[in-house]
Amino acid sequence: LYNVVVETQEDGKTLLQKGGLQKRVTIIPLDAISARTIPGHVANKAQDIVGEDNVRVALSLIGYEEEVEKAMEFVFGSTFICTDLKTAEKVTYDKEIMTRSVTLEGDVVEPRGTMTGGST
């Protein structure tokens, strides 16, 4: 994951065009993104289903400076972290939750039915 936070879309364009980037990156312009977070009632429902120790909102597990809060919400705000794949499936596919989950092993379960994982 290579995410680069910039103030504006123009800054992002300049970085892509003239920045001499060595790796493929995702530019996150603060003036253009729409950050979303998991509503409290959805997080509570997930914890009710699988237990408080088995699921957490990803955003609650990281620290960051206030100036990049919108970017952190954009990247981590709509994802659960689950202890294992079975737990992630229960959370993600619940009709009242339908939210992406990532396991501690790095497997990703999407509400539309796709899963990403395997050997690293």
Protein backbone atom coordinates (compact mmCIF):
# COMPACT_ATOMS: atom_id res chain seq x y z
CA LEU A 1 0.00 0.00 0.00
CA TYR A 2 1.44 3.30 -1.07
CA ASN A 3 -0.95 6.12 -0.30
CA VAL A 4 0.26 9.71 -0.58
CA VAL A 5 -1.85 12.44 1.04
CA VAL A 6 -1.82 15.86 -0.64
CA GLU A 7 -3.79 19.04 0.02
CA THR A 8 -5.32 19.45 -3.45
CA GLN A 9 -5.98 17.56 -6.67
CA GLU A 10 -3.60 19.94 -8.40
CA ASP A 11 -0.84 18.92 -5.98
CA GLY A 12 -1.60 15.30 -6.83
CA LYS A 13 -1.43 15.92 -10.57
CA THR A 14 1.89 17.72 -10.20
CA LEU A 15 3.29 14.87 -8.11
CA LEU A 16 2.24 12.28 -10.69
CA GLN A 17 3.56 14.28 -13.62
CA LYS A 18 6.80 15.65 -12.16
CA GLY A 19 7.40 13.78 -8.92
CA GLY A 20 9.69 11.07 -10.27
CA LEU A 21 7.81 8.42 -8.30
CA GLN A 22 9.64 5.10 -8.05
CA LYS A 23 6.54 3.04 -7.18
CA ARG A 24 2.91 3.01 -8.13
CA VAL A 25 1.01 5.11 -5.57
CA THR A 26 -2.51 6.20 -4.76
CA ILE A 27 -2.83 9.96 -4.40
CA ILE A 28 -5.35 11.08 -1.77
CA PRO A 29 -6.22 14.77 -2.30
CA LEU A 30 -7.88 16.14 0.85
CA ASP A 31 -9.94 18.63 -1.15
CA ALA A 32 -11.56 15.93 -3.28
CA ILE A 33 -12.12 12.82 -1.16
CA SER A 34 -15.34 11.88 0.56
CA ALA A 35 -14.52 10.12 3.82
CA ARG A 36 -16.95 7.62 5.33
CA THR A 37 -16.93 5.88 8.67
CA ILE A 38 -18.83 2.90 10.01
CA PRO A 39 -21.85 4.11 12.01
CA GLY A 40 -21.82 3.18 15.70
CA HIS A 41 -24.93 1.00 15.45
CA VAL A 42 -23.30 -1.07 12.68
CA ALA A 43 -20.12 -1.56 14.73
CA ASN A 44 -22.25 -2.57 17.72
CA LYS A 45 -24.17 -5.09 15.59
CA ALA A 46 -20.90 -6.65 14.41
CA GLN A 47 -19.70 -6.99 18.00
CA ASP A 48 -23.04 -8.50 19.01
CA ILE A 49 -22.70 -11.15 16.29
CA VAL A 50 -19.09 -12.26 16.82
CA GLY A 51 -18.04 -10.80 20.15
CA GLU A 52 -16.25 -7.62 21.10
CA ASP A 53 -12.79 -9.24 21.03
CA ASN A 54 -13.21 -10.58 17.48
CA VAL A 55 -14.01 -7.43 15.49
CA ARG A 56 -12.87 -3.81 15.60
CA VAL A 57 -13.29 -0.80 13.34
CA ALA A 58 -9.92 -0.40 11.57
CA LEU A 59 -9.86 3.35 12.20
CA SER A 60 -9.96 2.75 15.96
CA LEU A 61 -6.72 0.76 15.81
CA ILE A 62 -4.45 3.42 14.34
CA GLY A 63 -3.04 6.72 15.49
CA TYR A 64 -2.70 9.77 13.28
CA GLU A 65 -2.38 13.54 13.31
CA GLU A 66 -5.59 15.57 13.13
CA GLU A 67 -4.50 17.17 9.85
CA VAL A 68 -4.80 13.81 8.04
CA GLU A 69 -8.00 12.66 9.77
CA LYS A 70 -10.05 12.90 6.57
CA ALA A 71 -7.52 10.75 4.70
CA MET A 72 -7.44 8.16 7.50
CA GLU A 73 -11.23 7.99 7.47
CA PHE A 74 -11.14 7.59 3.70
CA VAL A 75 -8.66 4.69 3.86
CA PHE A 76 -9.65 2.93 7.10
CA GLY A 77 -13.07 4.29 8.09
CA SER A 78 -15.24 1.74 6.31
CA THR A 79 -13.33 -1.44 7.19
CA PHE A 80 -13.56 -3.91 10.04
CA ILE A 81 -10.58 -5.90 11.32
CA CYS A 82 -11.57 -9.45 12.28
CA THR A 83 -9.62 -12.18 14.02
CA ASP A 84 -10.14 -14.79 11.29
CA LEU A 85 -11.86 -15.56 7.99
CA LYS A 86 -14.95 -17.19 9.51
CA THR A 87 -15.53 -14.13 11.69
CA ALA A 88 -14.96 -11.79 8.73
CA GLU A 89 -17.54 -13.65 6.66
CA LYS A 90 -20.16 -13.49 9.45
CA VAL A 91 -19.62 -9.75 9.82
CA THR A 92 -19.31 -8.79 6.16
CA TYR A 93 -22.26 -10.78 4.84
CA ASP A 94 -24.72 -9.89 7.60
CA LYS A 95 -27.62 -8.04 5.95
CA GLU A 96 -27.49 -5.24 8.55
CA ILE A 97 -23.72 -4.76 8.23
CA MET A 98 -22.55 -5.40 4.63
CA THR A 99 -19.13 -3.84 5.24
CA ARG A 100 -15.61 -4.86 4.14
CA SER A 101 -13.59 -6.88 6.64
CA VAL A 102 -9.89 -7.69 6.75
CA THR A 103 -8.50 -10.54 8.83
CA LEU A 104 -5.36 -10.43 10.94
CA GLU A 105 -3.77 -12.58 8.21
CA GLY A 106 -4.60 -9.96 5.58
CA ASP A 107 -7.50 -11.72 3.84
CA VAL A 108 -10.14 -9.29 2.57
CA VAL A 109 -13.86 -10.10 2.47
CA GLU A 110 -16.07 -7.74 0.47
CA PRO A 111 -19.86 -7.47 0.89
CA ARG A 112 -20.37 -8.06 -2.84
CA GLY A 113 -18.98 -11.56 -2.39
CA THR A 114 -15.34 -11.28 -3.46
CA MET A 115 -12.49 -12.44 -1.25
CA THR A 116 -8.80 -11.64 -1.61
CA GLY A 117 -6.03 -13.52 0.17
CA GLY A 118 -3.68 -16.43 0.02
CA SER A 119 0.07 -16.72 0.13
CA THR A 120 2.18 -13.61 0.56
